[in-house]
Amino acid sequence: MREYRANLEVRERLASSDPSNAGWQRDVFLTHDRIGSLLKAQGDLAGALRECQIGLQIIERLLSSDPSNADWQRDVSASYIRLAVISEKTGQDDAMIWWRKAYDQLSSMKQRGIMAPADEEYLVRLRQKVGR
């Protein structure tokens, strides 16, 4: 975990030195996401939730600066899915909100023709999950 935290510190320093560098901002998002996955695997669901929420804020901010970026749109949908899974495991009431957001995000991408074919299976599962 120390390695990930040290990596995050370096990436955050780089990102703060040039807030316009989207690549560095996305690196910070990815690092928070990885830390969240590691914490989830270790059973620290509160920590995992916190890291995933921080990552989501970063990737949503990036997406708002370029709403046409399909990679960032996919990152947002993946973050929603991770938050839904963690919320379910912790028994929080907002899991279905995250599932619906993920479904809506991928569904919108499909309608616009920018969803990756590999994500079709996720969309099918999400449709079943949210009852649509």
Foldseek 3Di string as FASTA:
>chain_A
DVVLVVVLVVLVVVCVVPVVPLVSLLVNLVSLQVVLVVCVVVVNLVSSLVSLVVSLVSLVVVCVVPVVDLVSLLVNLVSLQSNLVSCVVVVHPCSLVSLVVSLVSQVVCVVVPNHDPVCPVVNVVSCVVNVD
